[in-house]
């Protein structure tokens, strides 16, 4: 509807400054966004080219970790180490291990090993940051070995491991292998 009466009606209303309209629009948009914080986090992650923030992942997804069998060279032989999946209790991953020394089969051993990885370190790892960890192994005879390592993630569910096992003050074995969290969904 147009006509002389309608134009006069709009002229009687005072004009609203553009800055006020922009402020109202921003406030309304912010109000809508704050209603859906999880959706916002998901969208931000997708726009950044990553998954949902590591802090939003359920802790149960990191309750188990699988480490691939590994092997390292010694003076005139090799040491192969195998471990079943590690399970997490509090801040500690534990598993058994079996080390086979070739050709010195009489030096073979088995035992339990544990590594300390706090929730904060686990979140850093899931976010793609390398972490360092420590632990210990105790063989079937009660001999203890110190462990130090570095985990470098390839993605939120897997990556590379470099593990140093201190057999004595002068002997250190270095194993390079991979890890995988089987319950983490990408």
C-alpha atoms as a PDB file:
ATOM      1  CA  UNK A   1       0.000   0.000   0.000  1.00  0.00           C
ATOM      2  CA  UNK A   2       1.369   3.274  -1.033  1.00  0.00           C
ATOM      3  CA  UNK A   3      -0.113   6.622  -0.982  1.00  0.00           C
ATOM      4  CA  UNK A   4       0.136  10.016   0.573  1.00  0.00           C
ATOM      5  CA  UNK A   5      -1.048   8.841   4.028  1.00  0.00           C
ATOM      6  CA  UNK A   6       1.479   6.055   4.386  1.00  0.00           C
ATOM      7  CA  UNK A   7       4.534   8.152   3.663  1.00  0.00           C
ATOM      8  CA  UNK A   8       3.462  10.642   6.313  1.00  0.00           C
ATOM      9  CA  UNK A   9       3.115   7.836   8.851  1.00  0.00           C
ATOM     10  CA  UNK A  10       6.788   6.790   8.432  1.00  0.00           C
ATOM     11  CA  UNK A  11       8.006  10.358   8.530  1.00  0.00           C
ATOM     12  CA  UNK A  12       6.496  10.820  11.981  1.00  0.00           C
ATOM     13  CA  UNK A  13       8.666   8.015  13.525  1.00  0.00           C
ATOM     14  CA  UNK A  14      12.103   9.185  14.615  1.00  0.00           C
ATOM     15  CA  UNK A  15      14.929   7.489  12.709  1.00  0.00           C
ATOM     16  CA  UNK A  16      16.875   4.774  14.599  1.00  0.00           C
ATOM     17  CA  UNK A  17      20.643   5.193  14.396  1.00  0.00           C
ATOM     18  CA  UNK A  18      22.452   2.428  12.481  1.00  0.00           C
ATOM     19  CA  UNK A  19      24.746   1.738  15.474  1.00  0.00           C
ATOM     20  CA  UNK A  20      21.714   0.900  17.647  1.00  0.00           C
ATOM     21  CA  UNK A  21      20.385  -1.514  15.034  1.00  0.00           C
ATOM     22  CA  UNK A  22      23.786  -3.178  14.750  1.00  0.00           C
ATOM     23  CA  UNK A  23      24.029  -3.520  18.549  1.00  0.00           C
ATOM     24  CA  UNK A  24      20.562  -5.100  18.685  1.00  0.00           C
ATOM     25  CA  UNK A  25      21.500  -7.531  15.909  1.00  0.00           C
ATOM     26  CA  UNK A  26      24.708  -8.539  17.713  1.00  0.00           C
ATOM     27  CA  UNK A  27      22.861  -9.045  21.012  1.00  0.00           C
ATOM     28  CA  UNK A  28      20.191 -11.180  19.332  1.00  0.00           C
ATOM     29  CA  UNK A  29      22.814 -13.284  17.541  1.00  0.00           C
ATOM     30  CA  UNK A  30      24.797 -13.771  20.751  1.00  0.00           C
ATOM     31  CA  UNK A  31      21.646 -14.802  22.572  1.00  0.00           C
ATOM     32  CA  UNK A  32      20.921 -17.450  19.925  1.00  0.00           C
ATOM     33  CA  UNK A  33      24.500 -18.750  19.966  1.00  0.00           C
ATOM     34  CA  UNK A  34      24.650 -19.060  23.745  1.00  0.00           C
ATOM     35  CA  UNK A  35      21.650 -21.378  23.676  1.00  0.00           C
ATOM     36  CA  UNK A  36      23.631 -23.976  21.756  1.00  0.00           C
ATOM     37  CA  UNK A  37      27.222 -24.124  23.125  1.00  0.00           C
ATOM     38  CA  UNK A  38      27.847 -27.748  22.037  1.00  0.00           C
ATOM     39  CA  UNK A  39      26.680 -26.949  18.520  1.00  0.00           C
ATOM     40  CA  UNK A  40      28.984 -23.941  18.499  1.00  0.00           C
ATOM     41  CA  UNK A  41      31.937 -26.090  19.628  1.00  0.00           C
ATOM     42  CA  UNK A  42      31.209 -28.643  16.927  1.00  0.00           C
ATOM     43  CA  UNK A  43      30.908 -25.967  14.239  1.00  0.00           C
ATOM     44  CA  UNK A  44      34.103 -24.255  15.375  1.00  0.00           C
ATOM     45  CA  UNK A  45      35.935 -27.580  15.240  1.00  0.00           C
ATOM     46  CA  UNK A  46      34.648 -28.356  11.763  1.00  0.00           C
ATOM     47  CA  UNK A  47      35.501 -24.881  10.507  1.00  0.00           C
ATOM     48  CA  UNK A  48      39.014 -25.241  11.910  1.00  0.00           C
ATOM     49  CA  UNK A  49      39.368 -28.583  10.132  1.00  0.00           C
ATOM     50  CA  UNK A  50      39.549 -30.687  13.313  1.00  0.00           C
ATOM     51  CA  UNK A  51      37.274 -32.884  15.338  1.00  0.00           C
ATOM     52  CA  UNK A  52      35.388 -31.956  18.484  1.00  0.00           C
ATOM     53  CA  UNK A  53      37.651 -30.635  21.238  1.00  0.00           C
ATOM     54  CA  UNK A  54      39.639 -33.349  23.060  1.00  0.00           C
ATOM     55  CA  UNK A  55      38.140 -32.236  26.386  1.00  0.00           C
ATOM     56  CA  UNK A  56      34.686 -33.224  25.054  1.00  0.00           C
ATOM     57  CA  UNK A  57      35.796 -36.799  24.326  1.00  0.00           C
ATOM     58  CA  UNK A  58      34.602 -39.339  26.872  1.00  0.00           C
ATOM     59  CA  UNK A  59      37.352 -40.622  29.174  1.00  0.00           C
ATOM     60  CA  UNK A  60      36.235 -44.185  28.416  1.00  0.00           C
ATOM     61  CA  UNK A  61      37.559 -43.775  24.869  1.00  0.00           C
ATOM     62  CA  UNK A  62      41.085 -43.545  26.316  1.00  0.00           C
ATOM     63  CA  UNK A  63      40.700 -46.447  28.777  1.00  0.00           C
ATOM     64  CA  UNK A  64      42.655 -48.827  26.512  1.00  0.00           C
ATOM     65  CA  UNK A  65      45.662 -48.330  24.281  1.00  0.00           C
ATOM     66  CA  UNK A  66      47.268 -50.846  21.955  1.00  0.00           C
ATOM     67  CA  UNK A  67      51.017 -50.735  21.343  1.00  0.00           C
ATOM     68  CA  UNK A  68      52.434 -52.500  18.295  1.00  0.00           C
ATOM     69  CA  UNK A  69      55.113 -55.171  18.830  1.00  0.00           C
ATOM     70  CA  UNK A  70      58.563 -53.629  18.576  1.00  0.00           C
ATOM     71  CA  UNK A  71      62.188 -54.598  18.107  1.00  0.00           C
ATOM     72  CA  UNK A  72      65.554 -52.970  18.742  1.00  0.00           C
ATOM     73  CA  UNK A  73      69.152 -53.924  17.999  1.00  0.00           C
ATOM     74  CA  UNK A  74      71.786 -54.799  20.565  1.00  0.00           C
ATOM     75  CA  UNK A  75      75.505 -55.430  20.051  1.00  0.00           C
ATOM     76  CA  UNK A  76      75.208 -58.774  18.236  1.00  0.00           C
ATOM     77  CA  UNK A  77      71.514 -59.469  18.341  1.00  0.00           C
ATOM     78  CA  UNK A  78      68.093 -57.974  18.895  1.00  0.00           C
ATOM     79  CA  UNK A  79      65.397 -57.589  21.529  1.00  0.00           C
ATOM     80  CA  UNK A  80      61.748 -58.005  20.505  1.00  0.00           C
ATOM     81  CA  UNK A  81      59.055 -56.776  22.897  1.00  0.00           C
ATOM     82  CA  UNK A  82      55.350 -57.565  22.789  1.00  0.00           C
ATOM     83  CA  UNK A  83      52.602 -56.263  25.050  1.00  0.00           C
ATOM     84  CA  UNK A  84      48.851 -56.844  25.128  1.00  0.00           C
ATOM     85  CA  UNK A  85      46.624 -53.757  25.301  1.00  0.00           C
ATOM     86  CA  UNK A  86      47.310 -51.369  28.190  1.00  0.00           C
ATOM     87  CA  UNK A  87      44.390 -50.507  30.462  1.00  0.00           C
ATOM     88  CA  UNK A  88      44.048 -47.235  32.366  1.00  0.00           C
ATOM     89  CA  UNK A  89      43.284 -46.964  36.077  1.00  0.00           C
ATOM     90  CA  UNK A  90      43.421 -43.420  37.502  1.00  0.00           C
ATOM     91  CA  UNK A  91      46.495 -41.886  35.771  1.00  0.00           C
ATOM     92  CA  UNK A  92      48.325 -45.172  35.083  1.00  0.00           C
ATOM     93  CA  UNK A  93      48.331 -47.446  32.056  1.00  0.00           C
ATOM     94  CA  UNK A  94      49.415 -51.011  32.884  1.00  0.00           C
ATOM     95  CA  UNK A  95      50.113 -54.149  30.894  1.00  0.00           C
ATOM     96  CA  UNK A  96      52.259 -57.244  30.906  1.00  0.00           C
ATOM     97  CA  UNK A  97      55.220 -57.600  28.568  1.00  0.00           C
ATOM     98  CA  UNK A  98      57.432 -60.241  27.061  1.00  0.00           C
ATOM     99  CA  UNK A  99      60.974 -59.497  25.862  1.00  0.00           C
ATOM    100  CA  UNK A 100      62.790 -62.029  23.683  1.00  0.00           C
ATOM    101  CA  UNK A 101      66.522 -61.589  23.232  1.00  0.00           C
ATOM    102  CA  UNK A 102      68.089 -63.139  20.137  1.00  0.00           C
ATOM    103  CA  UNK A 103      70.444 -65.030  20.149  1.00  0.00           C
ATOM    104  CA  UNK A 104      70.699 -64.835  23.958  1.00  0.00           C
ATOM    105  CA  UNK A 105      67.458 -66.708  24.719  1.00  0.00           C
ATOM    106  CA  UNK A 106      68.564 -67.150  28.356  1.00  0.00           C
ATOM    107  CA  UNK A 107      68.112 -63.368  28.771  1.00  0.00           C
ATOM    108  CA  UNK A 108      64.419 -63.476  27.785  1.00  0.00           C
ATOM    109  CA  UNK A 109      62.100 -61.993  30.386  1.00  0.00           C
ATOM    110  CA  UNK A 110      58.495 -61.123  31.070  1.00  0.00           C
ATOM    111  CA  UNK A 111      56.777 -58.992  33.657  1.00  0.00           C
ATOM    112  CA  UNK A 112      54.481 -56.000  34.200  1.00  0.00           C
ATOM    113  CA  UNK A 113      54.968 -52.431  33.126  1.00  0.00           C
ATOM    114  CA  UNK A 114      53.159 -49.201  33.895  1.00  0.00           C
ATOM    115  CA  UNK A 115      53.360 -45.641  32.606  1.00  0.00           C
ATOM    116  CA  UNK A 116      51.978 -42.495  34.199  1.00  0.00           C
ATOM    117  CA  UNK A 117      49.879 -40.264  31.915  1.00  0.00           C
ATOM    118  CA  UNK A 118      47.713 -37.653  33.633  1.00  0.00           C
ATOM    119  CA  UNK A 119      44.372 -36.436  32.282  1.00  0.00           C
ATOM    120  CA  UNK A 120      46.030 -33.163  31.256  1.00  0.00           C
ATOM    121  CA  UNK A 121      48.714 -35.009  29.257  1.00  0.00           C
ATOM    122  CA  UNK A 122      46.065 -37.216  27.669  1.00  0.00           C
ATOM    123  CA  UNK A 123      44.080 -34.150  26.574  1.00  0.00           C
ATOM    124  CA  UNK A 124      47.234 -32.629  25.068  1.00  0.00           C
ATOM    125  CA  UNK A 125      47.906 -35.884  23.221  1.00  0.00           C
ATOM    126  CA  UNK A 126      44.337 -36.026  21.874  1.00  0.00           C
ATOM    127  CA  UNK A 127      44.676 -32.403  20.763  1.00  0.00           C
ATOM    128  CA  UNK A 128      47.701 -33.319  18.642  1.00  0.00           C
ATOM    129  CA  UNK A 129      50.546 -32.233  20.921  1.00  0.00           C
ATOM    130  CA  UNK A 130      53.523 -34.541  21.647  1.00  0.00           C
ATOM    131  CA  UNK A 131      53.902 -35.582  25.292  1.00  0.00           C
ATOM    132  CA  UNK A 132      56.619 -37.151  27.426  1.00  0.00           C
ATOM    133  CA  UNK A 133      55.894 -39.813  30.039  1.00  0.00           C
ATOM    134  CA  UNK A 134      57.654 -41.961  32.626  1.00  0.00           C
ATOM    135  CA  UNK A 135      57.028 -45.382  34.048  1.00  0.00           C
ATOM    136  CA  UNK A 136      58.565 -48.570  35.298  1.00  0.00           C
ATOM    137  CA  UNK A 137      58.741 -52.243  34.472  1.00  0.00           C
ATOM    138  CA  UNK A 138      59.183 -55.080  36.942  1.00  0.00           C
ATOM    139  CA  UNK A 139      60.216 -58.474  35.594  1.00  0.00           C
ATOM    140  CA  UNK A 140      59.230 -61.878  36.980  1.00  0.00           C
ATOM    141  CA  UNK A 141      62.345 -61.868  39.231  1.00  0.00           C
ATOM    142  CA  UNK A 142      61.480 -58.489  40.774  1.00  0.00           C
ATOM    143  CA  UNK A 143      64.146 -56.477  38.914  1.00  0.00           C
ATOM    144  CA  UNK A 144      62.900 -52.973  38.192  1.00  0.00           C
ATOM    145  CA  UNK A 145      63.599 -50.958  35.037  1.00  0.00           C
ATOM    146  CA  UNK A 146      62.965 -47.255  34.587  1.00  0.00           C
ATOM    147  CA  UNK A 147      61.024 -46.201  31.465  1.00  0.00           C
ATOM    148  CA  UNK A 148      60.926 -42.841  29.704  1.00  0.00           C
ATOM    149  CA  UNK A 149      59.096 -42.114  26.508  1.00  0.00           C
ATOM    150  CA  UNK A 150      57.664 -39.657  24.059  1.00  0.00           C
ATOM    151  CA  UNK A 151      54.343 -40.012  22.224  1.00  0.00           C
ATOM    152  CA  UNK A 152      53.847 -38.044  19.006  1.00  0.00           C
ATOM    153  CA  UNK A 153      50.258 -38.169  17.728  1.00  0.00           C
ATOM    154  CA  UNK A 154      49.383 -38.646  14.066  1.00  0.00           C
ATOM    155  CA  UNK A 155      45.711 -37.973  14.896  1.00  0.00           C
ATOM    156  CA  UNK A 156      43.492 -38.143  17.989  1.00  0.00           C
ATOM    157  CA  UNK A 157      43.503 -41.958  18.011  1.00  0.00           C
ATOM    158  CA  UNK A 158      47.055 -42.987  17.056  1.00  0.00           C
ATOM    159  CA  UNK A 159      50.665 -41.986  16.720  1.00  0.00           C
ATOM    160  CA  UNK A 160      54.336 -42.870  17.228  1.00  0.00           C
ATOM    161  CA  UNK A 161      56.132 -43.894  20.414  1.00  0.00           C
ATOM    162  CA  UNK A 162      59.793 -43.673  21.332  1.00  0.00           C
ATOM    163  CA  UNK A 163      60.443 -45.605  24.542  1.00  0.00           C
ATOM    164  CA  UNK A 164      63.696 -45.879  26.493  1.00  0.00           C
ATOM    165  CA  UNK A 165      64.073 -48.818  28.858  1.00  0.00           C
ATOM    166  CA  UNK A 166      66.968 -48.424  31.290  1.00  0.00           C
ATOM    167  CA  UNK A 167      68.172 -51.977  31.895  1.00  0.00           C
ATOM    168  CA  UNK A 168      71.140 -50.801  34.021  1.00  0.00           C
ATOM    169  CA  UNK A 169      73.103 -47.595  34.572  1.00  0.00           C
ATOM    170  CA  UNK A 170      74.981 -48.125  31.312  1.00  0.00           C
ATOM    171  CA  UNK A 171      72.507 -50.081  29.206  1.00  0.00           C
ATOM    172  CA  UNK A 172      69.484 -48.442  27.663  1.00  0.00           C
ATOM    173  CA  UNK A 173      67.243 -49.987  25.024  1.00  0.00           C
ATOM    174  CA  UNK A 174      65.398 -47.668  22.649  1.00  0.00           C
ATOM    175  CA  UNK A 175      62.197 -48.925  21.022  1.00  0.00           C
ATOM    176  CA  UNK A 176      60.363 -47.084  18.229  1.00  0.00           C
ATOM    177  CA  UNK A 177      56.788 -48.236  17.712  1.00  0.00           C
ATOM    178  CA  UNK A 178      53.205 -47.007  17.320  1.00  0.00           C
ATOM    179  CA  UNK A 179      50.145 -46.733  19.544  1.00  0.00           C
ATOM    180  CA  UNK A 180      46.407 -46.706  18.905  1.00  0.00           C
ATOM    181  CA  UNK A 181      43.352 -45.962  21.078  1.00  0.00           C
ATOM    182  CA  UNK A 182      40.867 -48.485  19.618  1.00  0.00           C
ATOM    183  CA  UNK A 183      37.817 -46.870  21.247  1.00  0.00           C
ATOM    184  CA  UNK A 184      38.422 -43.323  19.956  1.00  0.00           C
ATOM    185  CA  UNK A 185      36.130 -42.517  17.047  1.00  0.00           C
ATOM    186  CA  UNK A 186      37.414 -39.921  14.603  1.00  0.00           C
END
